[in-house]
Protein backbone atom coordinates (compact mmCIF):
# COMPACT_ATOMS: atom_id res chain seq x y z
CA MET A 1 -10.01 1.39 -16.02
CA LYS A 2 -13.15 0.78 -18.05
CA THR A 3 -15.89 3.24 -18.92
CA ILE A 4 -18.31 3.46 -15.99
CA ARG A 5 -21.61 5.23 -15.31
CA VAL A 6 -21.52 7.28 -12.11
CA ALA A 7 -23.78 9.57 -10.11
CA SER A 8 -23.31 12.38 -7.61
CA VAL A 9 -26.05 13.40 -5.19
CA GLN A 10 -26.64 16.59 -3.26
CA PHE A 11 -29.25 16.57 -0.52
CA GLU A 12 -30.39 18.46 2.54
CA HIS A 13 -29.81 16.23 5.54
CA VAL A 14 -31.72 16.33 8.81
CA ALA A 15 -29.33 16.82 11.72
CA GLY A 16 -29.17 13.75 13.94
CA ASP A 17 -31.90 11.86 12.05
CA LYS A 18 -30.06 8.90 10.55
CA LYS A 19 -33.25 7.08 9.60
CA THR A 20 -34.55 9.96 7.47
CA ASN A 21 -31.17 10.53 5.86
CA LEU A 22 -30.73 6.84 5.02
CA THR A 23 -34.21 6.85 3.48
CA LYS A 24 -33.10 9.66 1.16
CA ILE A 25 -30.00 7.70 0.24
CA GLU A 26 -32.11 4.63 -0.56
CA HIS A 27 -34.40 6.74 -2.76
CA PHE A 28 -31.51 8.02 -4.86
CA VAL A 29 -29.82 4.61 -5.10
CA LYS A 30 -33.02 3.12 -6.50
CA GLN A 31 -33.35 6.01 -8.94
CA ALA A 32 -29.74 5.57 -10.03
CA ALA A 33 -30.17 1.83 -10.47
CA GLY A 34 -32.90 2.54 -13.01
CA GLN A 35 -30.36 4.54 -15.00
CA GLY A 36 -27.66 1.88 -14.98
CA VAL A 37 -25.38 3.64 -12.47
CA GLU A 38 -22.50 1.55 -11.11
CA LEU A 39 -20.97 4.06 -8.66
CA ILE A 40 -22.84 6.72 -6.66
CA ILE A 41 -21.64 9.06 -3.95
CA PHE A 42 -23.38 11.11 -1.28
CA PRO A 43 -22.10 14.05 0.83
CA GLU A 44 -19.83 14.15 3.84
CA CYS A 45 -21.58 13.25 7.12
CA CYS A 46 -24.93 13.08 5.30
CA ILE A 47 -26.11 10.16 7.46
CA THR A 48 -25.56 11.91 10.79
CA GLY A 49 -25.67 15.58 9.77
CA TYR A 50 -22.69 17.89 9.85
CA LEU A 51 -22.53 21.45 11.20
CA PHE A 52 -24.53 20.70 14.36
CA LEU A 53 -21.70 18.35 15.39
CA ARG A 54 -19.66 21.35 16.54
CA LYS A 55 -22.11 21.98 19.39
CA LEU A 56 -22.34 18.41 20.69
CA THR A 57 -20.66 17.24 23.86
CA ARG A 58 -18.47 14.15 23.77
CA ASP A 59 -21.29 12.09 25.28
CA GLU A 60 -23.74 13.37 22.66
CA LEU A 61 -21.32 12.49 19.89
CA LEU A 62 -20.78 9.05 21.38
CA ALA A 63 -24.54 8.50 21.27
CA LEU A 64 -24.57 9.43 17.57
CA ALA A 65 -21.43 7.58 16.49
CA GLU A 66 -21.42 4.04 15.08
CA PRO A 67 -18.84 1.34 14.47
CA VAL A 68 -17.69 0.93 10.89
CA PHE A 69 -18.31 -1.53 9.21
CA GLU A 70 -20.51 -3.60 11.51
CA GLY A 71 -22.75 -0.67 12.53
CA PRO A 72 -26.35 -0.33 11.30
CA SER A 73 -25.68 2.49 8.82
CA SER A 74 -22.76 0.67 7.20
CA GLN A 75 -24.86 -2.47 6.97
CA ALA A 76 -27.73 -0.50 5.39
CA LEU A 77 -25.32 0.82 2.74
CA MET A 78 -24.02 -2.68 2.06
CA ALA A 79 -27.54 -4.05 1.66
CA LEU A 80 -28.23 -1.40 -0.99
CA ALA A 81 -24.89 -2.08 -2.71
CA LYS A 82 -25.63 -5.78 -3.02
CA GLU A 83 -29.27 -5.35 -4.01
CA HIS A 84 -28.50 -2.92 -6.82
CA GLN A 85 -25.00 -4.15 -7.74
CA MET A 86 -23.67 -0.66 -7.15
CA THR A 87 -20.77 0.86 -5.22
CA LEU A 88 -21.94 3.67 -2.94
CA GLY A 89 -20.38 6.02 -0.43
CA ALA A 90 -21.81 8.17 2.37
CA GLY A 91 -20.47 9.88 5.48
CA LEU A 92 -21.10 9.54 9.22
CA VAL A 93 -19.46 9.77 12.64
CA GLU A 94 -17.47 6.62 13.43
CA ILE A 95 -16.44 5.24 16.78
CA ALA A 96 -13.39 2.98 16.62
CA ASP A 97 -12.70 0.01 18.87
CA ASP A 98 -10.50 2.16 21.12
CA GLY A 99 -13.21 4.82 21.57
CA THR A 100 -11.67 7.33 19.15
CA MET A 101 -14.23 9.09 16.95
CA TYR A 102 -13.76 10.15 13.32
CA ASN A 103 -15.52 11.93 10.50
CA THR A 104 -15.64 8.84 8.28
CA TYR A 105 -16.74 8.17 4.72
CA VAL A 106 -17.95 4.60 4.19
CA VAL A 107 -17.84 2.92 0.78
CA ALA A 108 -19.84 -0.28 0.31
CA MET A 109 -19.27 -2.44 -2.77
CA PRO A 110 -21.52 -5.10 -4.33
CA ASN A 111 -18.91 -7.82 -3.82
CA GLY A 112 -19.41 -7.42 -0.07
CA GLU A 113 -16.24 -5.41 0.55
CA PHE A 114 -16.06 -2.16 2.52
CA GLN A 115 -13.59 0.70 2.50
CA ARG A 116 -13.50 3.78 4.72
CA HIS A 117 -11.77 7.13 4.72
CA ARG A 118 -11.20 8.93 8.00
CA LYS A 119 -11.04 12.64 7.19
CA ILE A 120 -7.40 13.73 7.37
CA HIS A 121 -8.17 17.38 8.14
CA CYS A 122 -11.03 17.15 10.64
CA PHE A 123 -11.92 20.19 12.72
CA ILE A 124 -15.69 20.33 13.14
CA SER A 125 -15.39 19.09 16.74
CA GLU A 126 -12.59 18.82 19.28
CA HIS A 127 -13.94 15.36 20.09
CA LEU A 128 -13.30 14.02 16.56
CA SER A 129 -9.80 12.94 15.61
CA CYS A 130 -8.03 13.38 12.28
CA GLY A 131 -7.36 10.30 10.20
CA GLY A 132 -3.78 9.45 9.30
CA GLU A 133 -4.06 7.36 6.13
CA PHE A 134 -4.83 7.82 2.45
CA THR A 135 -7.64 5.76 1.00
CA VAL A 136 -7.12 4.30 -2.49
CA PHE A 137 -8.60 0.98 -3.52
CA ASP A 138 -9.79 -1.21 -6.38
CA THR A 139 -13.50 -1.67 -7.07
CA PRO A 140 -15.45 -4.47 -8.77
CA HIS A 141 -16.00 -2.08 -11.71
CA ASP A 142 -12.42 -2.30 -13.03
CA CYS A 143 -11.48 1.13 -11.74
CA ARG A 144 -9.29 2.33 -8.88
CA VAL A 145 -10.84 4.91 -6.56
CA ALA A 146 -9.57 7.38 -3.96
CA VAL A 147 -11.57 9.21 -1.29
CA LEU A 148 -10.73 12.64 0.13
CA THR A 149 -13.30 14.37 2.32
CA CYS A 150 -13.99 18.10 1.95
CA TYR A 151 -10.99 20.05 3.32
CA ASP A 152 -8.73 17.10 2.41
CA ASN A 153 -9.20 18.18 -1.22
CA ASN A 154 -8.03 21.74 -0.50
CA ILE A 155 -4.48 20.48 0.08
CA GLY A 156 -2.96 19.76 -3.33
CA GLU A 157 -0.48 17.23 -1.97
CA ASN A 158 -3.32 14.97 -0.85
CA VAL A 159 -4.78 14.72 -4.35
CA ARG A 160 -1.35 14.15 -5.87
CA ILE A 161 -0.73 11.27 -3.47
CA ALA A 162 -4.06 9.74 -4.50
CA ALA A 163 -2.94 9.92 -8.13
CA LEU A 164 0.49 8.49 -7.34
CA ASN A 165 -1.29 5.56 -5.69
CA GLY A 166 -2.97 4.77 -8.99
CA ALA A 167 -6.40 6.32 -8.58
CA ASP A 168 -8.51 6.74 -11.72
CA ILE A 169 -11.38 8.44 -9.93
CA LEU A 170 -11.42 10.76 -6.92
CA LEU A 171 -14.53 10.74 -4.73
CA ALA A 172 -14.84 14.17 -3.12
CA PRO A 173 -17.73 14.31 -0.63
CA HIS A 174 -18.23 17.75 0.94
CA GLN A 175 -20.29 19.98 3.21
CA THR A 176 -19.21 23.36 1.90
CA GLY A 177 -20.20 26.63 0.27
CA GLY A 178 -22.18 29.39 1.94
CA CYS A 179 -19.71 29.31 4.82
CA SER A 180 -18.76 31.99 7.27
CA THR A 181 -15.06 32.49 6.58
CA PRO A 182 -12.29 34.94 7.52
CA SER A 183 -11.25 35.17 3.87
CA PRO A 184 -12.72 38.41 2.45
CA HIS A 185 -12.97 37.12 -1.12
CA CYS A 186 -14.00 33.52 -0.41
CA MET A 187 -17.57 32.30 -0.05
CA GLY A 188 -19.78 33.98 2.55
CA VAL A 189 -23.09 33.41 4.32
CA ILE A 190 -26.33 33.07 2.34
CA GLU A 191 -29.51 34.53 3.80
CA LYS A 192 -31.81 31.75 4.99
CA SER A 193 -34.83 33.65 3.65
CA LEU A 194 -33.57 33.04 0.11
CA TRP A 195 -33.61 29.29 0.74
CA ASP A 196 -37.00 29.43 2.45
CA ASN A 197 -38.43 31.27 -0.57
CA ARG A 198 -36.79 29.04 -3.18
CA LYS A 199 -40.11 27.81 -4.57
CA THR A 200 -41.51 31.28 -5.20
CA ASN A 201 -38.23 32.95 -6.18
CA PRO A 202 -35.81 30.27 -7.44
CA GLN A 203 -33.72 32.81 -9.35
CA ALA A 204 -32.57 34.56 -6.17
CA ILE A 205 -31.22 31.47 -4.41
CA GLU A 206 -29.79 29.97 -7.61
CA ALA A 207 -27.82 33.18 -8.18
CA GLU A 208 -26.19 32.61 -4.78
CA LEU A 209 -25.54 28.93 -5.44
CA LYS A 210 -23.92 29.72 -8.80
CA GLY A 211 -22.08 32.81 -7.56
CA PRO A 212 -18.92 33.45 -5.49
CA LYS A 213 -20.36 31.69 -2.41
CA GLY A 214 -20.78 28.44 -4.32
CA ARG A 215 -19.99 27.39 -7.89
CA GLN A 216 -17.64 30.27 -8.72
CA TRP A 217 -15.50 29.46 -5.67
CA LEU A 218 -15.40 25.76 -6.58
CA LEU A 219 -14.25 26.55 -10.09
CA THR A 220 -11.23 28.46 -8.80
CA TRP A 221 -9.63 25.19 -7.67
CA LEU A 222 -11.68 22.02 -8.20
CA PRO A 223 -10.94 21.61 -11.95
CA ALA A 224 -7.21 21.98 -11.23
CA ARG A 225 -7.30 19.00 -8.87
CA ALA A 226 -8.70 16.84 -11.68
CA HIS A 227 -6.60 18.29 -14.51
CA ASP A 228 -3.22 18.36 -12.78
CA ASN A 229 -3.55 14.77 -11.57
CA GLY A 230 -5.29 13.20 -14.57
CA LEU A 231 -8.29 12.08 -12.49
CA PHE A 232 -12.02 11.94 -12.94
CA LEU A 233 -13.45 13.83 -9.96
CA ILE A 234 -16.91 13.30 -8.46
CA PHE A 235 -17.94 16.18 -6.20
CA SER A 236 -20.92 15.64 -3.89
CA ASN A 237 -22.12 18.29 -1.47
CA GLY A 238 -24.86 19.11 0.96
CA VAL A 239 -27.50 21.61 -0.10
CA GLY A 240 -29.83 23.76 1.94
CA VAL A 241 -29.97 24.23 5.69
CA ASP A 242 -26.98 22.96 7.67
CA GLY A 243 -27.03 24.46 11.15
CA ASP A 244 -27.03 28.23 10.70
CA GLU A 245 -25.63 28.09 7.17
CA ILE A 246 -26.96 27.29 3.70
CA ARG A 247 -24.94 24.70 1.78
CA THR A 248 -24.60 25.44 -1.92
CA GLY A 249 -24.93 21.99 -3.52
CA ASN A 250 -23.44 22.23 -7.03
CA ALA A 251 -22.97 18.47 -7.40
CA MET A 252 -20.43 18.18 -10.19
CA ILE A 253 -18.53 15.53 -12.16
CA LEU A 254 -15.31 16.49 -13.94
CA ASP A 255 -13.10 14.72 -16.45
CA PRO A 256 -9.27 14.41 -16.30
CA TYR A 257 -8.95 17.71 -18.17
CA GLY A 258 -10.94 19.55 -15.51
CA ARG A 259 -13.96 19.87 -17.80
CA ILE A 260 -17.44 19.60 -16.31
CA LEU A 261 -19.27 16.52 -17.57
CA ALA A 262 -22.41 17.05 -15.49
CA GLU A 263 -23.53 19.50 -12.82
CA THR A 264 -26.54 20.98 -11.05
CA TRP A 265 -27.19 24.23 -9.23
CA LYS A 266 -30.73 23.29 -8.29
CA ALA A 267 -31.87 24.67 -4.94
CA ASP A 268 -33.10 21.26 -3.82
CA ASP A 269 -32.07 17.63 -3.50
CA ASP A 270 -30.76 16.47 -6.87
CA MET A 271 -28.71 13.80 -8.65
CA ILE A 272 -26.51 14.01 -11.73
CA VAL A 273 -25.47 11.03 -13.86
CA THR A 274 -22.83 10.66 -16.54
CA ASP A 275 -20.46 8.14 -18.12
CA LEU A 276 -16.74 8.36 -17.40
CA ASN A 277 -15.03 7.55 -20.70
CA ALA A 278 -11.90 5.66 -19.72
CA ALA A 279 -10.14 6.69 -22.94
CA LEU A 280 -9.99 10.29 -21.69
CA ARG A 281 -7.26 9.33 -19.25
CA ASP A 282 -5.04 7.97 -22.00
CA ASN A 283 -2.11 10.35 -22.28
CA CYS A 284 -4.10 13.21 -20.73
CA THR A 285 -2.21 16.26 -19.47
CA GLY A 286 -2.13 15.27 -15.80
CA VAL A 287 -0.99 11.72 -16.49
CA ARG A 288 1.82 13.02 -18.70
CA TRP A 289 2.89 15.56 -16.10
CA ILE A 290 3.08 12.91 -13.38
CA LYS A 291 5.39 10.85 -15.61
CA THR A 292 7.81 13.78 -15.87
CA ARG A 293 8.08 14.48 -12.14
CA ARG A 294 11.52 14.80 -10.52
CA PRO A 295 10.99 13.38 -7.02
CA GLU A 296 14.67 13.87 -6.12
CA LEU A 297 13.95 17.61 -5.96
CA TYR A 298 10.90 17.39 -3.71
CA GLY A 299 12.50 16.76 -0.35
CA PRO A 300 11.42 20.21 0.98
CA LEU A 301 7.79 19.10 0.71
CA THR A 302 8.33 16.82 3.71
CA VAL A 303 10.24 19.33 5.84
CA PRO A 304 8.17 21.39 8.31
CA THR A 305 8.41 25.14 7.72
CA GLY A 306 7.34 26.12 11.21
CA LEU A 307 4.13 27.62 9.80
CA GLU A 308 2.13 24.44 10.18
CA GLU A 309 -0.85 24.42 12.55
CA ASP A 310 -3.06 21.60 13.78
CA ILE A 311 -6.28 22.03 11.80
CA ARG A 312 -8.31 21.51 14.99
CA ARG A 313 -6.62 24.50 16.59
CA VAL A 314 -7.01 26.86 13.68
CA ARG A 315 -9.82 29.27 14.48
CA PHE A 316 -12.11 28.22 11.67
CA SER A 317 -15.58 27.09 12.62
CA HIS A 318 -16.47 25.68 9.23
CA GLU A 319 -15.05 24.36 5.97
CA ILE A 320 -13.22 26.89 3.80
């Protein structure tokens, strides 16, 4: 890995309006190019919109879905990647050749190559299938990258597998925070009036974004994913109205020690930029710990306990 300048974007998408959302992406890519950014990521399903997907029929989802990589949104991302010599990722609803649909994160690289990650733990719609592969790949920037989408990052084994596959950087696109959840001490709904009044009373909404419904919840687990696996972690999230919820933003970039290199809690679209110093991974805690693993003891990790449930059948409506 070499030192690389990266960016993470949070923005409020418009449900079902791919043209408007792609225009926002283009705006931030151009802004990032002016700052020498080589890798930029955008939120989960930010091209299509997210929470409204749960209410769409199969036919309505089919009308929204696109092939990856030959579809118009993928091609728009590739055009930006080549024009600005930048790797960029954004999420949408994919339709595969066999008609299966996925919550997919598309990565376009300036050398003309694509990668995609089909969300492993997908449950926003019964009509979307879960992916069954990990996504780790080399980039033209002399770094190896993994992608895990939102809930995928909640499962520690997924991040460890990304690290074992040689990832230097984990891309973590989300639509989270401000969620209705059955957990009594985890997140919670934010009043829409606070978002609507963000210009006149920014302190009120920022307190929610920084509090237990947003940043505080993220900091209970996100730094551990970076630290324990010796990875740089780029967290991108929606912000603002998403269906009947308010996403909490908090775009954040962490180093392999779980320290925050850059972040925002702005109640608006925003971008953060920082350099990932490759030397920080040299002999960092997580890298050392991985070297001292004892895989011969870990057989129980692959044995079902009987407690497992299909994520699509669990009675959660939203990300937790």
